[in-house]
Amino acid sequence: MSTVVLNRRTLLVGGGSVLAAGMSGLLQPARAEGLAPTSSMSGGANNYRKGAPIVERIGGGGFWMTGTVRRAGDGAPLAGQRIQIWAHTVEGQEHEQRSHGATLTNKDGEFRLEMPQIIPVFGQPHGHLAYDSGEFKTVFLRPVMRSAKDTSMEAHFVLQPA
């Protein structure tokens, strides 16, 4: 038969082991499961036009706006989602109707729309994108290009139900 020696050190080590093993989930910060939703960006809604038409291309083209749309949580691709795109380009300013258009995502949740070359306004070459179909919460993005010479830009949406 073994003898159990209870002293302060034994109690501290034993108690610490129980806490570490049995309550480790309580000691870690809570975190959401899966993929977090995209937040709207400041200035993203500037010059937004509700209901911009779905188009094959905006203007004469030459610049590609691409990206993906996925569902928050499980990250599943979302097909058939409407993404509106507009920008200040070589053919028009971002407040003009001719600088706006929308496209739909494919079966893999990807979108791609050709438009005129984006040019700097307020010192930054940037585009505007919006998800506004209603099934999920509206999100406005305003990505800035690394260089005004870039001929494409990507933007990615992770949407949560409305």
N, C-alpha and C. Protein backbone atom coordinates (compact mmCIF):
# COMPACT_ATOMS: atom_id res chain seq x y z
N MET A 1 0.85 -1.17 0.00
CA MET A 1 0.00 0.00 0.00
C MET A 1 0.90 1.24 0.00
N SER A 2 0.60 2.21 -0.89
CA SER A 2 1.43 3.40 -0.95
C SER A 2 0.85 4.50 -0.06
N THR A 3 1.73 5.36 0.37
CA THR A 3 1.34 6.45 1.25
C THR A 3 1.28 7.73 0.42
N VAL A 4 0.19 8.47 0.53
CA VAL A 4 0.05 9.74 -0.18
C VAL A 4 0.49 10.85 0.76
N VAL A 5 1.46 11.63 0.31
CA VAL A 5 1.97 12.73 1.12
C VAL A 5 1.29 14.02 0.62
N LEU A 6 0.52 14.64 1.48
CA LEU A 6 -0.14 15.88 1.12
C LEU A 6 0.62 17.04 1.74
N ASN A 7 1.22 17.81 0.92
CA ASN A 7 1.84 19.04 1.38
C ASN A 7 1.48 20.14 0.39
N ARG A 8 1.90 21.33 0.65
CA ARG A 8 1.53 22.48 -0.18
C ARG A 8 1.97 22.30 -1.64
N ARG A 9 3.17 21.80 -1.85
CA ARG A 9 3.69 21.61 -3.21
C ARG A 9 2.84 20.58 -3.97
N THR A 10 2.51 19.46 -3.35
CA THR A 10 1.72 18.41 -3.99
C THR A 10 0.34 18.94 -4.37
N LEU A 11 -0.27 19.70 -3.49
CA LEU A 11 -1.59 20.27 -3.77
C LEU A 11 -1.54 21.27 -4.93
N LEU A 12 -0.52 22.12 -4.95
CA LEU A 12 -0.39 23.10 -6.04
C LEU A 12 -0.17 22.43 -7.38
N VAL A 13 0.74 21.45 -7.44
CA VAL A 13 1.02 20.74 -8.69
C VAL A 13 -0.21 19.97 -9.14
N GLY A 14 -0.84 19.25 -8.23
CA GLY A 14 -2.03 18.46 -8.56
C GLY A 14 -3.18 19.34 -8.98
N GLY A 15 -3.41 20.43 -8.27
CA GLY A 15 -4.50 21.35 -8.63
C GLY A 15 -4.27 22.00 -9.98
N GLY A 16 -3.00 22.36 -10.24
CA GLY A 16 -2.67 22.95 -11.54
C GLY A 16 -2.89 21.98 -12.67
N SER A 17 -2.56 20.71 -12.45
CA SER A 17 -2.76 19.69 -13.48
C SER A 17 -4.23 19.49 -13.79
N VAL A 18 -5.06 19.48 -12.74
CA VAL A 18 -6.51 19.34 -12.94
C VAL A 18 -7.05 20.52 -13.72
N LEU A 19 -6.63 21.72 -13.36
CA LEU A 19 -7.09 22.91 -14.09
C LEU A 19 -6.67 22.87 -15.55
N ALA A 20 -5.42 22.54 -15.80
CA ALA A 20 -4.91 22.51 -17.18
C ALA A 20 -5.61 21.46 -18.02
N ALA A 21 -5.84 20.30 -17.46
CA ALA A 21 -6.45 19.22 -18.23
C ALA A 21 -7.96 19.34 -18.30
N GLY A 22 -8.58 19.65 -17.19
CA GLY A 22 -10.04 19.62 -17.13
C GLY A 22 -10.72 20.90 -17.53
N MET A 23 -10.05 22.02 -17.49
CA MET A 23 -10.71 23.29 -17.76
C MET A 23 -10.01 24.08 -18.85
N SER A 24 -9.20 23.43 -19.67
CA SER A 24 -8.44 24.15 -20.70
C SER A 24 -9.35 24.90 -21.67
N GLY A 25 -10.52 24.36 -21.96
CA GLY A 25 -11.46 25.04 -22.84
C GLY A 25 -11.96 26.34 -22.27
N LEU A 26 -12.04 26.43 -20.95
CA LEU A 26 -12.49 27.66 -20.31
C LEU A 26 -11.41 28.71 -20.26
N LEU A 27 -10.16 28.29 -20.32
CA LEU A 27 -9.06 29.23 -20.24
C LEU A 27 -8.69 29.85 -21.58
N GLN A 28 -9.16 29.26 -22.69
CA GLN A 28 -8.86 29.79 -24.01
C GLN A 28 -9.94 30.77 -24.42
N PRO A 29 -9.58 31.80 -25.21
CA PRO A 29 -10.60 32.75 -25.66
C PRO A 29 -11.59 32.07 -26.61
N ALA A 30 -12.83 32.54 -26.55
CA ALA A 30 -13.86 32.00 -27.44
C ALA A 30 -13.57 32.45 -28.86
N ARG A 31 -13.81 31.59 -29.84
CA ARG A 31 -13.64 31.99 -31.24
C ARG A 31 -14.74 31.36 -32.08
N ALA A 32 -15.07 32.06 -33.13
CA ALA A 32 -16.14 31.59 -34.01
C ALA A 32 -15.67 30.40 -34.82
N GLU A 33 -16.59 29.55 -35.17
CA GLU A 33 -16.28 28.40 -36.01
C GLU A 33 -16.19 28.85 -37.47
N GLY A 34 -15.23 28.38 -38.21
CA GLY A 34 -15.16 28.58 -39.64
C GLY A 34 -14.73 29.96 -40.07
N LEU A 35 -15.18 30.34 -41.27
CA LEU A 35 -14.78 31.56 -41.95
C LEU A 35 -15.62 32.76 -41.51
N ALA A 36 -14.96 33.82 -41.09
CA ALA A 36 -15.65 35.04 -40.62
C ALA A 36 -16.16 35.85 -41.80
N PRO A 37 -17.29 36.56 -41.64
CA PRO A 37 -17.83 37.37 -42.74
C PRO A 37 -16.97 38.60 -43.03
N THR A 38 -17.02 39.06 -44.27
CA THR A 38 -16.32 40.26 -44.69
C THR A 38 -17.08 41.48 -44.17
N SER A 39 -16.34 42.45 -43.65
CA SER A 39 -16.94 43.71 -43.20
C SER A 39 -16.89 44.71 -44.34
N SER A 40 -17.88 45.61 -44.38
CA SER A 40 -17.85 46.68 -45.38
C SER A 40 -16.67 47.60 -45.10
N MET A 41 -16.09 48.12 -46.18
CA MET A 41 -14.95 49.02 -46.07
C MET A 41 -15.41 50.47 -46.09
N SER A 42 -14.71 51.31 -45.37
CA SER A 42 -14.98 52.73 -45.36
C SER A 42 -14.87 53.28 -46.78
N GLY A 43 -15.84 54.04 -47.21
CA GLY A 43 -15.84 54.63 -48.55
C GLY A 43 -16.29 53.68 -49.65
N GLY A 44 -16.60 52.45 -49.30
CA GLY A 44 -16.99 51.47 -50.30
C GLY A 44 -18.31 51.78 -50.99
N ALA A 45 -19.22 52.42 -50.29
CA ALA A 45 -20.55 52.70 -50.85
C ALA A 45 -20.60 54.01 -51.64
N ASN A 46 -19.50 54.77 -51.68
CA ASN A 46 -19.50 56.05 -52.42
C ASN A 46 -19.93 55.82 -53.87
N ASN A 47 -20.89 56.60 -54.33
CA ASN A 47 -21.41 56.58 -55.70
C ASN A 47 -22.10 55.27 -56.08
N TYR A 48 -22.52 54.50 -55.09
CA TYR A 48 -23.27 53.25 -55.33
C TYR A 48 -24.60 53.58 -56.02
N ARG A 49 -24.99 52.73 -56.98
CA ARG A 49 -26.26 52.86 -57.70
C ARG A 49 -27.04 51.57 -57.54
N LYS A 50 -28.06 51.60 -56.72
CA LYS A 50 -28.88 50.40 -56.51
C LYS A 50 -29.44 49.94 -57.85
N GLY A 51 -29.33 48.64 -58.09
CA GLY A 51 -29.91 48.05 -59.29
C GLY A 51 -29.15 48.26 -60.58
N ALA A 52 -27.85 48.53 -60.50
CA ALA A 52 -27.06 48.67 -61.74
C ALA A 52 -27.26 47.40 -62.57
N PRO A 53 -27.37 47.54 -63.89
CA PRO A 53 -27.67 46.37 -64.74
C PRO A 53 -26.54 45.35 -64.80
N ILE A 54 -26.93 44.09 -65.01
CA ILE A 54 -25.95 43.03 -65.27
C ILE A 54 -25.47 43.23 -66.70
N VAL A 55 -24.15 43.27 -66.88
CA VAL A 55 -23.55 43.56 -68.18
C VAL A 55 -22.49 42.52 -68.53
N GLU A 56 -22.19 42.41 -69.81
CA GLU A 56 -21.11 41.54 -70.26
C GLU A 56 -19.76 42.19 -70.02
N ARG A 57 -19.72 43.53 -70.11
CA ARG A 57 -18.49 44.30 -69.94
C ARG A 57 -18.89 45.74 -69.68
N ILE A 58 -18.07 46.47 -68.93
CA ILE A 58 -18.28 47.90 -68.73
C ILE A 58 -17.38 48.62 -69.73
N GLY A 59 -17.95 49.45 -70.57
CA GLY A 59 -17.16 50.22 -71.53
C GLY A 59 -16.35 49.36 -72.48
N GLY A 60 -15.19 49.89 -72.87
CA GLY A 60 -14.34 49.20 -73.83
C GLY A 60 -13.47 48.09 -73.25
N GLY A 61 -13.41 47.98 -71.95
CA GLY A 61 -12.63 46.90 -71.33
C GLY A 61 -11.15 47.21 -71.24
N GLY A 62 -10.38 46.15 -71.00
CA GLY A 62 -8.94 46.26 -70.86
C GLY A 62 -8.43 46.03 -69.44
N PHE A 63 -9.33 46.05 -68.45
CA PHE A 63 -8.99 45.83 -67.05
C PHE A 63 -9.93 44.76 -66.52
N TRP A 64 -9.41 43.84 -65.72
CA TRP A 64 -10.25 42.75 -65.19
C TRP A 64 -10.42 42.85 -63.68
N MET A 65 -11.67 42.87 -63.24
CA MET A 65 -12.02 42.78 -61.82
C MET A 65 -12.50 41.35 -61.58
N THR A 66 -11.85 40.65 -60.68
CA THR A 66 -12.19 39.26 -60.41
C THR A 66 -12.31 39.04 -58.90
N GLY A 67 -12.89 37.91 -58.53
CA GLY A 67 -12.97 37.59 -57.11
C GLY A 67 -13.85 36.38 -56.85
N THR A 68 -14.12 36.19 -55.58
CA THR A 68 -14.94 35.05 -55.15
C THR A 68 -15.98 35.51 -54.14
N VAL A 69 -17.03 34.70 -54.03
CA VAL A 69 -18.08 34.93 -53.04
C VAL A 69 -18.33 33.61 -52.33
N ARG A 70 -18.15 33.62 -51.01
CA ARG A 70 -18.33 32.41 -50.20
C ARG A 70 -19.23 32.71 -49.01
N ARG A 71 -19.77 31.65 -48.44
CA ARG A 71 -20.66 31.76 -47.28
C ARG A 71 -19.82 31.75 -46.01
N ALA A 72 -20.16 32.65 -45.08
CA ALA A 72 -19.48 32.67 -43.78
C ALA A 72 -19.74 31.35 -43.07
N GLY A 73 -18.79 30.95 -42.26
CA GLY A 73 -18.91 29.70 -41.52
C GLY A 73 -18.22 28.57 -42.24
N ASP A 74 -18.92 27.98 -43.22
CA ASP A 74 -18.35 26.82 -43.90
C ASP A 74 -17.54 27.15 -45.15
N GLY A 75 -17.57 28.40 -45.61
CA GLY A 75 -16.78 28.81 -46.77
C GLY A 75 -17.26 28.27 -48.10
N ALA A 76 -18.49 27.76 -48.14
CA ALA A 76 -19.03 27.21 -49.39
C ALA A 76 -19.13 28.29 -50.46
N PRO A 77 -18.75 27.99 -51.71
CA PRO A 77 -18.90 28.96 -52.80
C PRO A 77 -20.37 29.23 -53.06
N LEU A 78 -20.69 30.50 -53.37
CA LEU A 78 -22.08 30.90 -53.60
C LEU A 78 -22.29 31.25 -55.07
N ALA A 79 -23.04 30.41 -55.78
CA ALA A 79 -23.33 30.63 -57.20
C ALA A 79 -24.50 31.60 -57.36
N GLY A 80 -24.51 32.31 -58.48
CA GLY A 80 -25.63 33.18 -58.83
C GLY A 80 -25.76 34.43 -57.99
N GLN A 81 -24.69 34.85 -57.33
CA GLN A 81 -24.74 36.06 -56.50
C GLN A 81 -24.35 37.28 -57.33
N ARG A 82 -25.09 38.36 -57.15
CA ARG A 82 -24.90 39.59 -57.93
C ARG A 82 -23.85 40.47 -57.27
N ILE A 83 -22.83 40.83 -58.04
CA ILE A 83 -21.77 41.73 -57.58
C ILE A 83 -21.77 42.96 -58.49
N GLN A 84 -21.96 44.13 -57.91
CA GLN A 84 -21.89 45.38 -58.66
C GLN A 84 -20.47 45.93 -58.57
N ILE A 85 -19.98 46.47 -59.70
CA ILE A 85 -18.62 47.01 -59.78
C ILE A 85 -18.68 48.39 -60.42
N TRP A 86 -17.90 49.33 -59.88
CA TRP A 86 -17.79 50.66 -60.47
C TRP A 86 -16.46 51.28 -60.06
N ALA A 87 -15.99 52.24 -60.86
CA ALA A 87 -14.70 52.86 -60.59
C ALA A 87 -14.52 54.11 -61.45
N HIS A 88 -13.51 54.86 -61.12
CA HIS A 88 -13.06 56.00 -61.92
C HIS A 88 -12.10 55.41 -62.95
N THR A 89 -12.44 55.50 -64.24
CA THR A 89 -11.66 54.86 -65.29
C THR A 89 -11.26 55.85 -66.38
N VAL A 90 -10.51 55.36 -67.35
CA VAL A 90 -10.12 56.21 -68.48
C VAL A 90 -11.34 56.63 -69.31
N GLU A 91 -12.48 55.96 -69.11
CA GLU A 91 -13.68 56.27 -69.90
C GLU A 91 -14.77 57.00 -69.12
N GLY A 92 -14.63 57.12 -67.81
CA GLY A 92 -15.67 57.80 -67.05
C GLY A 92 -15.39 57.83 -65.57
N GLN A 93 -16.09 58.72 -64.89
CA GLN A 93 -15.93 58.87 -63.45
C GLN A 93 -16.87 57.91 -62.71
N GLU A 94 -16.53 57.61 -61.47
CA GLU A 94 -17.29 56.59 -60.74
C GLU A 94 -18.73 56.99 -60.42
N HIS A 95 -19.07 58.26 -60.51
CA HIS A 95 -20.46 58.65 -60.25
C HIS A 95 -21.33 58.53 -61.51
N GLU A 96 -20.73 58.29 -62.66
CA GLU A 96 -21.48 58.20 -63.91
C GLU A 96 -22.07 56.80 -64.10
N GLN A 97 -23.28 56.75 -64.62
CA GLN A 97 -23.96 55.47 -64.83
C GLN A 97 -23.15 54.54 -65.74
N ARG A 98 -22.47 55.08 -66.74
CA ARG A 98 -21.70 54.25 -67.68
C ARG A 98 -20.50 53.57 -67.02
N SER A 99 -20.13 53.99 -65.81
CA SER A 99 -19.01 53.39 -65.09
C SER A 99 -19.45 52.29 -64.12
N HIS A 100 -20.75 51.94 -64.16
CA HIS A 100 -21.32 50.93 -63.26
C HIS A 100 -21.81 49.72 -64.05
N GLY A 101 -21.67 48.56 -63.45
CA GLY A 101 -22.22 47.34 -64.03
C GLY A 101 -22.20 46.24 -62.98
N ALA A 102 -22.92 45.18 -63.24
CA ALA A 102 -22.98 44.06 -62.31
C ALA A 102 -22.76 42.76 -63.07
N THR A 103 -22.35 41.75 -62.32
CA THR A 103 -22.15 40.42 -62.86
C THR A 103 -22.62 39.40 -61.84
N LEU A 104 -22.74 38.15 -62.26
CA LEU A 104 -23.16 37.07 -61.36
C LEU A 104 -22.01 36.09 -61.16
N THR A 105 -21.97 35.48 -59.99
CA THR A 105 -20.96 34.47 -59.73
C THR A 105 -21.31 33.17 -60.45
N ASN A 106 -20.28 32.40 -60.82
CA ASN A 106 -20.48 31.10 -61.47
C ASN A 106 -20.70 30.02 -60.41
N LYS A 107 -20.75 28.77 -60.82
CA LYS A 107 -21.02 27.65 -59.90
C LYS A 107 -19.97 27.50 -58.82
N ASP A 108 -18.76 28.05 -59.05
CA ASP A 108 -17.68 27.98 -58.07
C ASP A 108 -17.59 29.23 -57.21
N GLY A 109 -18.59 30.12 -57.32
CA GLY A 109 -18.61 31.35 -56.54
C GLY A 109 -17.64 32.40 -57.05
N GLU A 110 -17.19 32.27 -58.29
CA GLU A 110 -16.22 33.21 -58.87
C GLU A 110 -16.93 34.22 -59.77
N PHE A 111 -16.42 35.44 -59.78
CA PHE A 111 -16.92 36.45 -60.72
C PHE A 111 -15.74 37.06 -61.45
N ARG A 112 -16.07 37.62 -62.63
CA ARG A 112 -15.05 38.22 -63.50
C ARG A 112 -15.77 39.20 -64.40
N LEU A 113 -15.33 40.44 -64.41
CA LEU A 113 -15.94 41.45 -65.26
C LEU A 113 -14.85 42.36 -65.82
N GLU A 114 -14.89 42.52 -67.13
CA GLU A 114 -13.94 43.41 -67.80
C GLU A 114 -14.50 44.83 -67.80
N MET A 115 -13.60 45.78 -67.62
CA MET A 115 -13.97 47.19 -67.57
C MET A 115 -12.80 48.03 -68.06
N PRO A 116 -12.99 49.34 -68.26
CA PRO A 116 -11.85 50.17 -68.67
C PRO A 116 -10.80 50.27 -67.55
N GLN A 117 -9.59 50.64 -67.92
CA GLN A 117 -8.49 50.79 -66.97
C GLN A 117 -8.88 51.75 -65.85
N ILE A 118 -8.68 51.31 -64.60
CA ILE A 118 -8.91 52.17 -63.45
C ILE A 118 -7.76 53.17 -63.34
N ILE A 119 -8.11 54.42 -63.04
CA ILE A 119 -7.09 55.46 -62.87
C ILE A 119 -7.24 56.09 -61.48
N PRO A 120 -6.17 56.72 -60.99
CA PRO A 120 -6.22 57.30 -59.64
C PRO A 120 -7.23 58.45 -59.55
N VAL A 121 -7.92 58.48 -58.43
CA VAL A 121 -8.75 59.61 -58.05
C VAL A 121 -8.45 59.82 -56.56
N PHE A 122 -8.28 61.04 -56.15
CA PHE A 122 -7.84 61.36 -54.79
C PHE A 122 -6.50 60.68 -54.48
N GLY A 123 -5.66 60.53 -55.52
CA GLY A 123 -4.33 59.97 -55.34
C GLY A 123 -4.24 58.46 -55.31
N GLN A 124 -5.36 57.75 -55.34
CA GLN A 124 -5.34 56.29 -55.25
C GLN A 124 -6.13 55.65 -56.38
N PRO A 125 -5.53 54.70 -57.10
CA PRO A 125 -6.32 53.92 -58.05
C PRO A 125 -7.10 52.86 -57.25
N HIS A 126 -8.41 52.90 -57.32
CA HIS A 126 -9.23 51.98 -56.54
C HIS A 126 -10.52 51.65 -57.26
N GLY A 127 -11.10 50.55 -56.86
CA GLY A 127 -12.39 50.14 -57.39
C GLY A 127 -13.41 50.07 -56.28
N HIS A 128 -14.66 49.91 -56.67
CA HIS A 128 -15.75 49.73 -55.72
C HIS A 128 -16.51 48.48 -56.12
N LEU A 129 -16.88 47.68 -55.13
CA LEU A 129 -17.68 46.48 -55.38
C LEU A 129 -18.74 46.38 -54.29
N ALA A 130 -19.88 45.82 -54.67
CA ALA A 130 -20.95 45.64 -53.68
C ALA A 130 -21.67 44.33 -53.90
N TYR A 131 -21.96 43.65 -52.81
CA TYR A 131 -22.93 42.55 -52.83
C TYR A 131 -24.18 43.17 -52.22
N ASP A 132 -25.30 43.10 -52.96
CA ASP A 132 -26.52 43.77 -52.48
C ASP A 132 -27.80 43.04 -52.87
N SER A 133 -27.73 41.72 -53.00
CA SER A 133 -28.89 40.97 -53.48
C SER A 133 -29.96 40.72 -52.43
N GLY A 134 -29.63 40.81 -51.16
CA GLY A 134 -30.64 40.67 -50.13
C GLY A 134 -30.66 39.35 -49.38
N GLU A 135 -30.22 38.26 -49.99
CA GLU A 135 -30.21 36.96 -49.31
C GLU A 135 -29.19 36.97 -48.17
N PHE A 136 -28.12 37.76 -48.35
CA PHE A 136 -27.08 37.91 -47.34
C PHE A 136 -26.95 39.39 -47.01
N LYS A 137 -26.22 39.71 -45.95
CA LYS A 137 -26.02 41.10 -45.56
C LYS A 137 -25.21 41.83 -46.63
N THR A 138 -25.60 43.07 -46.92
CA THR A 138 -24.91 43.89 -47.92
C THR A 138 -23.48 44.17 -47.47
N VAL A 139 -22.55 44.09 -48.43
CA VAL A 139 -21.14 44.37 -48.16
C VAL A 139 -20.61 45.27 -49.28
N PHE A 140 -19.93 46.34 -48.90
CA PHE A 140 -19.29 47.24 -49.84
C PHE A 140 -17.77 47.15 -49.65
N LEU A 141 -17.04 46.98 -50.77
CA LEU A 141 -15.58 46.93 -50.72
C LEU A 141 -14.99 48.07 -51.55
N ARG A 142 -13.82 48.54 -51.13
CA ARG A 142 -13.09 49.59 -51.85
C ARG A 142 -11.60 49.22 -51.86
N PRO A 143 -11.24 48.20 -52.66
CA PRO A 143 -9.82 47.82 -52.70
C PRO A 143 -8.99 48.84 -53.47
N VAL A 144 -7.77 49.05 -53.00
CA VAL A 144 -6.83 49.98 -53.62
C VAL A 144 -5.77 49.17 -54.37
N MET A 145 -5.48 49.60 -55.57
CA MET A 145 -4.47 48.92 -56.40
C MET A 145 -3.07 49.27 -55.91
N ARG A 146 -2.13 48.34 -56.07
CA ARG A 146 -0.73 48.59 -55.72
C ARG A 146 -0.12 49.63 -56.65
N SER A 147 -0.53 49.59 -57.92
CA SER A 147 0.03 50.49 -58.92
C SER A 147 -1.07 50.86 -59.92
N ALA A 148 -1.05 52.08 -60.40
CA ALA A 148 -2.00 52.51 -61.42
C ALA A 148 -1.77 51.79 -62.74
N LYS A 149 -0.65 51.08 -62.86
CA LYS A 149 -0.35 50.33 -64.08
C LYS A 149 -0.91 48.91 -64.06
N ASP A 150 -1.41 48.46 -62.89
CA ASP A 150 -2.00 47.12 -62.80
C ASP A 150 -3.19 47.03 -63.77
N THR A 151 -3.37 45.87 -64.37
CA THR A 151 -4.49 45.68 -65.31
C THR A 151 -5.53 44.70 -64.79
N SER A 152 -5.43 44.40 -63.50
CA SER A 152 -6.44 43.55 -62.87
C SER A 152 -6.42 43.77 -61.37
N MET A 153 -7.51 43.36 -60.73
CA MET A 153 -7.61 43.45 -59.28
C MET A 153 -8.58 42.37 -58.80
N GLU A 154 -8.32 41.83 -57.61
CA GLU A 154 -9.19 40.82 -57.01
C GLU A 154 -9.87 41.39 -55.78
N ALA A 155 -11.08 40.90 -55.53
CA ALA A 155 -11.81 41.24 -54.30
C ALA A 155 -12.60 40.00 -53.89
N HIS A 156 -12.62 39.70 -52.61
CA HIS A 156 -13.26 38.49 -52.13
C HIS A 156 -14.30 38.81 -51.06
N PHE A 157 -15.46 38.20 -51.20
CA PHE A 157 -16.56 38.40 -50.27
C PHE A 157 -16.82 37.11 -49.48
N VAL A 158 -17.03 37.26 -48.19
CA VAL A 158 -17.52 36.16 -47.35
C VAL A 158 -18.79 36.71 -46.71
N LEU A 159 -19.93 36.12 -47.08
CA LEU A 159 -21.23 36.69 -46.73
C LEU A 159 -21.92 35.93 -45.60
N GLN A 160 -22.66 36.69 -44.79
CA GLN A 160 -23.47 36.04 -43.75
C GLN A 160 -24.95 36.32 -44.06
N PRO A 161 -25.81 35.39 -43.70
CA PRO A 161 -27.24 35.54 -44.00
C PRO A 161 -27.79 36.86 -43.45
N ALA A 162 -28.73 37.43 -44.18
CA ALA A 162 -29.35 38.70 -43.76
C ALA A 162 -30.26 38.48 -42.57
